[in-house]
N, C-alpha and C. Protein backbone atom coordinates (compact mmCIF):
# COMPACT_ATOMS: atom_id res chain seq x y z
N MET A 1 0.85 -1.17 0.00
CA MET A 1 0.00 0.00 0.00
C MET A 1 0.90 1.24 0.00
N ARG A 2 0.55 2.21 -0.86
CA ARG A 2 1.35 3.43 -0.97
C ARG A 2 1.06 4.39 0.18
N THR A 3 2.08 5.15 0.54
CA THR A 3 1.91 6.23 1.51
C THR A 3 1.21 7.39 0.82
N PRO A 4 0.69 8.36 1.59
CA PRO A 4 0.12 9.55 0.95
C PRO A 4 1.11 10.24 0.01
N GLU A 5 2.37 10.36 0.44
CA GLU A 5 3.37 11.01 -0.43
C GLU A 5 3.56 10.23 -1.72
N GLU A 6 3.70 8.93 -1.62
CA GLU A 6 3.88 8.11 -2.82
C GLU A 6 2.67 8.22 -3.75
N THR A 7 1.48 8.32 -3.17
CA THR A 7 0.27 8.41 -3.97
C THR A 7 0.21 9.71 -4.75
N VAL A 8 0.46 10.85 -4.09
CA VAL A 8 0.38 12.13 -4.82
C VAL A 8 1.48 12.22 -5.86
N ARG A 9 2.64 11.69 -5.55
CA ARG A 9 3.73 11.71 -6.54
C ARG A 9 3.41 10.81 -7.74
N ALA A 10 2.73 9.69 -7.50
CA ALA A 10 2.33 8.80 -8.59
C ALA A 10 1.36 9.50 -9.54
N VAL A 11 0.41 10.25 -8.98
CA VAL A 11 -0.53 10.98 -9.82
C VAL A 11 0.21 12.01 -10.68
N ALA A 12 1.06 12.82 -10.06
CA ALA A 12 1.77 13.85 -10.81
C ALA A 12 2.66 13.23 -11.89
N ALA A 13 3.33 12.14 -11.58
CA ALA A 13 4.19 11.47 -12.57
C ALA A 13 3.35 10.93 -13.73
N GLY A 14 2.18 10.38 -13.41
CA GLY A 14 1.30 9.88 -14.46
C GLY A 14 0.79 10.99 -15.36
N VAL A 15 0.44 12.12 -14.77
CA VAL A 15 0.00 13.27 -15.57
C VAL A 15 1.12 13.71 -16.51
N CYS A 16 2.34 13.73 -16.01
CA CYS A 16 3.48 14.10 -16.87
C CYS A 16 3.61 13.14 -18.05
N ARG A 17 3.53 11.85 -17.77
CA ARG A 17 3.62 10.86 -18.87
C ARG A 17 2.51 11.08 -19.88
N LEU A 18 1.32 11.36 -19.39
CA LEU A 18 0.18 11.58 -20.27
C LEU A 18 0.38 12.83 -21.12
N MET A 19 0.81 13.91 -20.50
CA MET A 19 0.97 15.17 -21.23
C MET A 19 2.12 15.13 -22.23
N ARG A 20 3.13 14.32 -21.97
CA ARG A 20 4.24 14.21 -22.92
C ARG A 20 3.80 13.53 -24.21
N GLY A 21 2.75 12.71 -24.12
CA GLY A 21 2.25 12.04 -25.32
C GLY A 21 3.18 10.94 -25.79
N GLY A 22 3.01 10.55 -27.04
CA GLY A 22 3.83 9.52 -27.64
C GLY A 22 3.48 8.12 -27.20
N LEU A 23 2.34 7.94 -26.55
CA LEU A 23 1.91 6.63 -26.08
C LEU A 23 1.06 5.93 -27.13
N THR A 24 1.15 4.62 -27.19
CA THR A 24 0.22 3.87 -28.03
C THR A 24 -1.15 3.93 -27.39
N ASP A 25 -2.18 3.54 -28.12
CA ASP A 25 -3.53 3.52 -27.55
C ASP A 25 -3.59 2.61 -26.33
N ALA A 26 -2.92 1.46 -26.40
CA ALA A 26 -2.92 0.52 -25.27
C ALA A 26 -2.18 1.11 -24.08
N GLU A 27 -1.04 1.77 -24.32
CA GLU A 27 -0.29 2.39 -23.23
C GLU A 27 -1.09 3.52 -22.59
N GLU A 28 -1.77 4.29 -23.43
CA GLU A 28 -2.58 5.39 -22.91
C GLU A 28 -3.74 4.85 -22.06
N ALA A 29 -4.42 3.82 -22.53
CA ALA A 29 -5.53 3.22 -21.78
C ALA A 29 -5.03 2.67 -20.44
N ALA A 30 -3.86 2.04 -20.45
CA ALA A 30 -3.29 1.51 -19.20
C ALA A 30 -2.95 2.65 -18.25
N LEU A 31 -2.45 3.76 -18.78
CA LEU A 31 -2.13 4.91 -17.94
C LEU A 31 -3.40 5.52 -17.34
N PHE A 32 -4.47 5.60 -18.11
CA PHE A 32 -5.74 6.09 -17.56
C PHE A 32 -6.17 5.21 -16.38
N ASP A 33 -6.03 3.89 -16.54
CA ASP A 33 -6.38 2.97 -15.47
C ASP A 33 -5.47 3.16 -14.25
N GLU A 34 -4.16 3.33 -14.49
CA GLU A 34 -3.21 3.55 -13.38
C GLU A 34 -3.55 4.82 -12.61
N LEU A 35 -3.84 5.88 -13.35
CA LEU A 35 -4.18 7.14 -12.68
C LEU A 35 -5.47 7.00 -11.88
N ALA A 36 -6.48 6.42 -12.49
CA ALA A 36 -7.76 6.24 -11.79
C ALA A 36 -7.60 5.38 -10.55
N ALA A 37 -6.71 4.39 -10.61
CA ALA A 37 -6.49 3.48 -9.48
C ALA A 37 -5.85 4.19 -8.29
N CYS A 38 -5.36 5.38 -8.47
CA CYS A 38 -4.81 6.17 -7.35
C CYS A 38 -5.92 6.78 -6.50
N TYR A 39 -7.16 6.65 -6.95
CA TYR A 39 -8.31 7.26 -6.27
C TYR A 39 -9.25 6.19 -5.75
N ALA A 40 -9.95 6.51 -4.68
CA ALA A 40 -10.95 5.61 -4.10
C ALA A 40 -12.13 5.48 -5.05
N GLU A 41 -12.90 4.43 -4.86
CA GLU A 41 -14.10 4.22 -5.68
C GLU A 41 -15.05 5.42 -5.54
N HIS A 42 -15.18 5.93 -4.32
CA HIS A 42 -15.98 7.14 -4.06
C HIS A 42 -15.02 8.18 -3.50
N THR A 43 -14.91 9.30 -4.19
CA THR A 43 -13.94 10.32 -3.82
C THR A 43 -14.55 11.70 -3.99
N ASP A 44 -13.81 12.71 -3.63
CA ASP A 44 -14.28 14.09 -3.78
C ASP A 44 -13.07 14.94 -4.20
N VAL A 45 -12.93 15.12 -5.50
CA VAL A 45 -11.82 15.89 -6.04
C VAL A 45 -12.38 17.16 -6.65
N ARG A 46 -11.79 18.27 -6.23
CA ARG A 46 -12.28 19.57 -6.71
C ARG A 46 -11.12 20.44 -7.17
N HIS A 47 -11.43 21.33 -8.10
CA HIS A 47 -10.46 22.29 -8.64
C HIS A 47 -11.04 23.69 -8.39
N PRO A 48 -10.89 24.21 -7.17
CA PRO A 48 -11.55 25.47 -6.80
C PRO A 48 -11.18 26.68 -7.66
N PHE A 49 -10.00 26.67 -8.27
CA PHE A 49 -9.58 27.82 -9.07
C PHE A 49 -9.90 27.64 -10.56
N GLN A 50 -10.65 26.62 -10.93
CA GLN A 50 -11.01 26.41 -12.32
C GLN A 50 -11.80 27.64 -12.79
N PRO A 51 -11.29 28.37 -13.79
CA PRO A 51 -11.91 29.64 -14.18
C PRO A 51 -13.35 29.53 -14.64
N LEU A 52 -13.74 28.41 -15.21
CA LEU A 52 -15.10 28.28 -15.72
C LEU A 52 -16.02 27.55 -14.75
N GLY A 53 -15.57 27.36 -13.53
CA GLY A 53 -16.37 26.70 -12.52
C GLY A 53 -15.91 25.28 -12.27
N ASP A 54 -15.99 24.88 -11.04
CA ASP A 54 -15.52 23.58 -10.61
C ASP A 54 -16.63 22.54 -10.76
N THR A 55 -16.29 21.42 -11.35
CA THR A 55 -17.19 20.28 -11.40
C THR A 55 -16.56 19.18 -10.55
N PRO A 56 -17.11 18.88 -9.38
CA PRO A 56 -16.51 17.86 -8.53
C PRO A 56 -16.43 16.51 -9.23
N LEU A 57 -15.33 15.83 -8.99
CA LEU A 57 -15.14 14.47 -9.50
C LEU A 57 -15.34 13.55 -8.31
N LEU A 58 -16.42 12.76 -8.34
CA LEU A 58 -16.87 12.05 -7.15
C LEU A 58 -16.69 10.54 -7.20
N SER A 59 -16.04 10.04 -8.24
CA SER A 59 -15.83 8.59 -8.32
C SER A 59 -14.56 8.29 -9.11
N ARG A 60 -14.10 7.07 -8.94
CA ARG A 60 -12.93 6.62 -9.71
C ARG A 60 -13.25 6.69 -11.20
N ALA A 61 -14.46 6.32 -11.58
CA ALA A 61 -14.85 6.36 -13.00
C ALA A 61 -14.81 7.79 -13.53
N ALA A 62 -15.26 8.74 -12.74
CA ALA A 62 -15.21 10.15 -13.16
C ALA A 62 -13.78 10.63 -13.31
N LEU A 63 -12.89 10.16 -12.43
CA LEU A 63 -11.48 10.53 -12.55
C LEU A 63 -10.87 9.92 -13.80
N ARG A 64 -11.20 8.67 -14.10
CA ARG A 64 -10.67 8.06 -15.32
C ARG A 64 -11.13 8.85 -16.54
N GLU A 65 -12.40 9.22 -16.55
CA GLU A 65 -12.94 10.02 -17.66
C GLU A 65 -12.23 11.37 -17.73
N HIS A 66 -11.98 11.99 -16.60
CA HIS A 66 -11.27 13.27 -16.55
C HIS A 66 -9.89 13.15 -17.20
N PHE A 67 -9.15 12.10 -16.84
CA PHE A 67 -7.81 11.92 -17.39
C PHE A 67 -7.85 11.57 -18.87
N SER A 68 -8.89 10.87 -19.31
CA SER A 68 -8.95 10.42 -20.70
C SER A 68 -9.68 11.40 -21.61
N ALA A 69 -10.13 12.52 -21.07
CA ALA A 69 -10.96 13.46 -21.83
C ALA A 69 -10.23 14.09 -23.01
N GLY A 70 -8.95 13.92 -23.10
CA GLY A 70 -8.23 14.50 -24.24
C GLY A 70 -7.82 15.93 -23.95
N GLY A 71 -7.67 16.66 -24.99
CA GLY A 71 -7.25 18.04 -24.82
C GLY A 71 -5.76 18.18 -24.56
N ARG A 72 -5.02 17.08 -24.73
CA ARG A 72 -3.58 17.19 -24.56
C ARG A 72 -3.02 17.93 -25.75
N PRO A 73 -2.21 18.92 -25.47
CA PRO A 73 -1.71 19.76 -26.56
C PRO A 73 -0.66 19.05 -27.40
N ALA A 74 -0.61 19.42 -28.66
CA ALA A 74 0.47 18.95 -29.52
C ALA A 74 1.70 19.80 -29.22
N GLY A 75 2.82 19.33 -29.61
CA GLY A 75 4.04 20.13 -29.48
C GLY A 75 4.69 20.12 -28.11
N VAL A 76 4.26 19.21 -27.23
CA VAL A 76 4.88 19.13 -25.90
C VAL A 76 6.25 18.47 -26.05
N GLU A 77 7.27 19.23 -25.74
CA GLU A 77 8.64 18.72 -25.83
C GLU A 77 9.14 18.23 -24.48
N ARG A 78 8.60 18.81 -23.42
CA ARG A 78 8.99 18.41 -22.07
C ARG A 78 7.84 18.74 -21.13
N TYR A 79 7.63 17.89 -20.13
CA TYR A 79 6.58 18.12 -19.13
C TYR A 79 7.00 17.35 -17.89
N ASP A 80 7.42 18.06 -16.85
CA ASP A 80 7.98 17.43 -15.67
C ASP A 80 7.46 18.10 -14.40
N VAL A 81 7.59 17.40 -13.29
CA VAL A 81 7.34 17.97 -11.97
C VAL A 81 8.66 18.56 -11.48
N VAL A 82 8.62 19.82 -11.02
CA VAL A 82 9.81 20.48 -10.48
C VAL A 82 9.45 21.17 -9.17
N ASP A 83 10.49 21.50 -8.41
CA ASP A 83 10.32 22.24 -7.15
C ASP A 83 9.23 21.63 -6.27
N ASP A 84 9.28 20.32 -6.12
CA ASP A 84 8.22 19.62 -5.41
C ASP A 84 8.57 19.38 -3.95
N HIS A 85 7.57 19.60 -3.12
CA HIS A 85 7.69 19.39 -1.68
C HIS A 85 6.38 18.78 -1.19
N VAL A 86 6.49 17.74 -0.38
CA VAL A 86 5.31 17.17 0.26
C VAL A 86 5.39 17.53 1.74
N PHE A 87 4.36 18.19 2.23
CA PHE A 87 4.29 18.61 3.63
C PHE A 87 3.31 17.71 4.35
N THR A 88 3.73 17.17 5.47
CA THR A 88 2.83 16.37 6.29
C THR A 88 2.02 17.30 7.19
N THR A 89 0.94 16.79 7.71
CA THR A 89 0.08 17.54 8.60
C THR A 89 -0.15 16.71 9.86
N PRO A 90 -0.75 17.28 10.89
CA PRO A 90 -1.05 16.48 12.09
C PRO A 90 -1.96 15.29 11.80
N ASP A 91 -2.75 15.38 10.73
CA ASP A 91 -3.60 14.27 10.32
C ASP A 91 -2.77 13.38 9.38
N PRO A 92 -2.47 12.15 9.74
CA PRO A 92 -1.59 11.31 8.93
C PRO A 92 -2.14 10.98 7.54
N GLU A 93 -3.43 11.18 7.32
CA GLU A 93 -4.02 10.94 6.00
C GLU A 93 -3.83 12.12 5.06
N VAL A 94 -3.55 13.31 5.60
CA VAL A 94 -3.54 14.54 4.80
C VAL A 94 -2.12 15.00 4.53
N VAL A 95 -1.84 15.26 3.25
CA VAL A 95 -0.58 15.88 2.85
C VAL A 95 -0.88 17.06 1.95
N ILE A 96 0.08 17.97 1.92
CA ILE A 96 0.02 19.11 1.02
C ILE A 96 1.17 18.94 0.04
N PHE A 97 0.85 18.90 -1.23
CA PHE A 97 1.85 18.69 -2.28
C PHE A 97 1.99 20.00 -3.05
N GLU A 98 3.11 20.67 -2.85
CA GLU A 98 3.39 21.93 -3.53
C GLU A 98 4.44 21.64 -4.60
N PHE A 99 4.15 22.03 -5.83
CA PHE A 99 5.05 21.72 -6.94
C PHE A 99 4.69 22.58 -8.14
N SER A 100 5.44 22.43 -9.18
CA SER A 100 5.10 23.03 -10.47
C SER A 100 5.27 21.98 -11.54
N TYR A 101 4.39 22.04 -12.53
CA TYR A 101 4.65 21.35 -13.78
C TYR A 101 5.47 22.33 -14.59
N ALA A 102 6.52 21.87 -15.20
CA ALA A 102 7.35 22.74 -16.03
C ALA A 102 7.69 22.00 -17.30
N GLY A 103 7.81 22.75 -18.37
CA GLY A 103 8.14 22.08 -19.61
C GLY A 103 8.34 23.04 -20.74
N VAL A 104 8.24 22.47 -21.92
CA VAL A 104 8.41 23.23 -23.15
C VAL A 104 7.33 22.76 -24.12
N VAL A 105 6.61 23.72 -24.68
CA VAL A 105 5.60 23.45 -25.70
C VAL A 105 5.92 24.33 -26.90
N ASP A 106 6.09 23.70 -28.05
CA ASP A 106 6.41 24.43 -29.28
C ASP A 106 7.55 25.41 -29.08
N GLY A 107 8.57 24.98 -28.35
CA GLY A 107 9.76 25.81 -28.14
C GLY A 107 9.64 26.85 -27.05
N ARG A 108 8.47 26.97 -26.43
CA ARG A 108 8.25 27.96 -25.36
C ARG A 108 8.23 27.26 -24.01
N ALA A 109 9.08 27.75 -23.10
CA ALA A 109 9.12 27.19 -21.75
C ALA A 109 7.93 27.70 -20.94
N PHE A 110 7.46 26.88 -20.02
CA PHE A 110 6.37 27.29 -19.13
C PHE A 110 6.58 26.69 -17.75
N THR A 111 5.93 27.31 -16.78
CA THR A 111 5.85 26.79 -15.41
C THR A 111 4.41 26.94 -14.97
N LEU A 112 3.88 25.88 -14.39
CA LEU A 112 2.48 25.84 -13.97
C LEU A 112 2.43 25.49 -12.48
N PRO A 113 2.37 26.51 -11.59
CA PRO A 113 2.36 26.24 -10.15
C PRO A 113 1.10 25.52 -9.69
N CYS A 114 1.27 24.61 -8.72
CA CYS A 114 0.17 23.81 -8.20
C CYS A 114 0.35 23.58 -6.70
N ILE A 115 -0.76 23.50 -6.00
CA ILE A 115 -0.79 23.01 -4.62
C ILE A 115 -1.99 22.08 -4.51
N PHE A 116 -1.73 20.85 -4.10
CA PHE A 116 -2.79 19.88 -3.89
C PHE A 116 -2.87 19.58 -2.39
N VAL A 117 -4.06 19.68 -1.84
CA VAL A 117 -4.30 19.28 -0.46
C VAL A 117 -5.09 17.98 -0.55
N VAL A 118 -4.47 16.89 -0.10
CA VAL A 118 -4.97 15.56 -0.42
C VAL A 118 -5.13 14.70 0.84
N ARG A 119 -6.25 13.98 0.88
CA ARG A 119 -6.49 12.98 1.93
C ARG A 119 -6.37 11.61 1.28
N VAL A 120 -5.43 10.81 1.78
CA VAL A 120 -5.19 9.46 1.26
C VAL A 120 -5.50 8.46 2.37
N ARG A 121 -6.36 7.53 2.04
CA ARG A 121 -6.73 6.48 3.01
C ARG A 121 -6.52 5.13 2.33
N ASP A 122 -5.82 4.26 3.00
CA ASP A 122 -5.54 2.92 2.46
C ASP A 122 -4.86 2.99 1.09
N GLY A 123 -4.01 4.00 0.90
CA GLY A 123 -3.22 4.10 -0.31
C GLY A 123 -3.90 4.74 -1.51
N VAL A 124 -5.16 5.20 -1.34
CA VAL A 124 -5.87 5.85 -2.44
C VAL A 124 -6.43 7.19 -1.98
N ILE A 125 -6.58 8.10 -2.93
CA ILE A 125 -7.08 9.45 -2.63
C ILE A 125 -8.59 9.38 -2.42
N VAL A 126 -9.02 9.88 -1.27
CA VAL A 126 -10.46 9.94 -0.99
C VAL A 126 -10.97 11.37 -1.11
N GLU A 127 -10.04 12.33 -1.05
CA GLU A 127 -10.45 13.74 -1.14
C GLU A 127 -9.24 14.55 -1.58
N SER A 128 -9.48 15.52 -2.47
CA SER A 128 -8.40 16.37 -2.93
C SER A 128 -8.93 17.72 -3.35
N ARG A 129 -8.18 18.74 -3.02
CA ARG A 129 -8.43 20.08 -3.52
C ARG A 129 -7.19 20.46 -4.31
N ASP A 130 -7.35 20.60 -5.62
CA ASP A 130 -6.23 20.84 -6.52
C ASP A 130 -6.25 22.30 -6.96
N TYR A 131 -5.29 23.05 -6.45
CA TYR A 131 -5.19 24.47 -6.77
C TYR A 131 -4.13 24.63 -7.84
N VAL A 132 -4.58 24.92 -9.05
CA VAL A 132 -3.70 24.98 -10.22
C VAL A 132 -3.82 26.37 -10.83
N HIS A 133 -2.73 26.89 -11.35
CA HIS A 133 -2.74 28.20 -12.02
C HIS A 133 -3.24 27.98 -13.46
N HIS A 134 -4.56 27.96 -13.62
CA HIS A 134 -5.18 27.64 -14.90
C HIS A 134 -4.85 28.65 -15.99
N VAL A 135 -4.69 29.90 -15.63
CA VAL A 135 -4.36 30.91 -16.64
C VAL A 135 -2.96 30.65 -17.20
N ALA A 136 -2.03 30.28 -16.32
CA ALA A 136 -0.68 29.94 -16.79
C ALA A 136 -0.74 28.73 -17.72
N GLY A 137 -1.60 27.77 -17.41
CA GLY A 137 -1.76 26.61 -18.28
C GLY A 137 -2.32 27.00 -19.64
N ALA A 138 -3.34 27.86 -19.64
CA ALA A 138 -3.92 28.31 -20.91
C ALA A 138 -2.87 29.07 -21.74
N ARG A 139 -2.09 29.87 -21.08
CA ARG A 139 -1.03 30.60 -21.78
C ARG A 139 0.00 29.63 -22.36
N ALA A 140 0.43 28.66 -21.57
CA ALA A 140 1.46 27.71 -22.00
C ALA A 140 1.02 26.91 -23.22
N PHE A 141 -0.25 26.55 -23.27
CA PHE A 141 -0.73 25.68 -24.34
C PHE A 141 -1.46 26.41 -25.45
N GLY A 142 -1.30 27.75 -25.49
CA GLY A 142 -1.90 28.52 -26.57
C GLY A 142 -3.42 28.58 -26.51
N ARG A 143 -3.98 28.45 -25.32
CA ARG A 143 -5.44 28.42 -25.18
C ARG A 143 -5.98 29.67 -24.50
N LEU A 144 -5.15 30.70 -24.36
CA LEU A 144 -5.59 31.91 -23.68
C LEU A 144 -6.76 32.59 -24.41
N PRO A 145 -6.72 32.74 -25.74
CA PRO A 145 -7.88 33.35 -26.42
C PRO A 145 -9.17 32.56 -26.21
N ALA A 146 -9.09 31.24 -26.24
CA ALA A 146 -10.29 30.43 -26.03
C ALA A 146 -10.81 30.58 -24.60
N LEU A 147 -9.89 30.64 -23.63
CA LEU A 147 -10.31 30.83 -22.24
C LEU A 147 -10.96 32.19 -22.07
N ALA A 148 -10.35 33.23 -22.64
CA ALA A 148 -10.92 34.58 -22.53
C ALA A 148 -12.32 34.63 -23.15
N ALA A 149 -12.49 34.00 -24.30
CA ALA A 149 -13.81 33.98 -24.94
C ALA A 149 -14.82 33.24 -24.08
N ALA A 150 -14.41 32.11 -23.52
CA ALA A 150 -15.33 31.34 -22.66
C ALA A 150 -15.70 32.13 -21.42
N LEU A 151 -14.72 32.82 -20.84
CA LEU A 151 -15.01 33.65 -19.67
C LEU A 151 -15.97 34.79 -20.01
N ALA A 152 -15.76 35.40 -21.16
CA ALA A 152 -16.63 36.50 -21.58
C ALA A 152 -18.06 36.03 -21.81
N ALA A 153 -18.21 34.78 -22.23
CA ALA A 153 -19.54 34.24 -22.53
C ALA A 153 -20.22 33.63 -21.32
N THR A 154 -19.52 33.52 -20.21
CA THR A 154 -20.05 32.87 -19.01
C THR A 154 -20.69 33.88 -18.09
N GLU A 155 -21.88 33.58 -17.62
CA GLU A 155 -22.54 34.44 -16.66
C GLU A 155 -21.88 34.27 -15.29
N ILE A 156 -21.76 35.35 -14.57
CA ILE A 156 -21.19 35.31 -13.22
C ILE A 156 -22.30 34.95 -12.25
N ALA A 157 -22.05 33.92 -11.46
CA ALA A 157 -23.04 33.48 -10.46
C ALA A 157 -23.12 34.52 -9.34
N PRO A 158 -24.32 34.72 -8.80
CA PRO A 158 -24.46 35.70 -7.70
C PRO A 158 -23.74 35.26 -6.45
């Protein structure tokens, strides 16, 4: 059984492999399964800083769908975890994973800061709050105009 630190690091490493691309269909499907297996059957994963609104991911199946949804950019030359630190808390199930994804897309370097606050029970994630710099991600992958248009078209909730 993985420790909380091993579990969060496994997820980040899997995301890096996925974003780098170059996988066969079978390798990609296996990676989706590996990533989903890092989560409990019933979980609560949220992205509070998602610019277009957070949609909670409440099951392993939803997480697998999230990872397999596509949208991986072409032109990724490098995608790695850097400056990573796992902080323990008084609750042995909860860790804080502070890191950045860093890489190169179409010759342009990027850094995408992240902080995940994660509860791991029996080696799988049961709850996570993933704070990601989504605007930096949109900029890195050439999606800033699309994000701006989507934001302009979205009504602000009261």
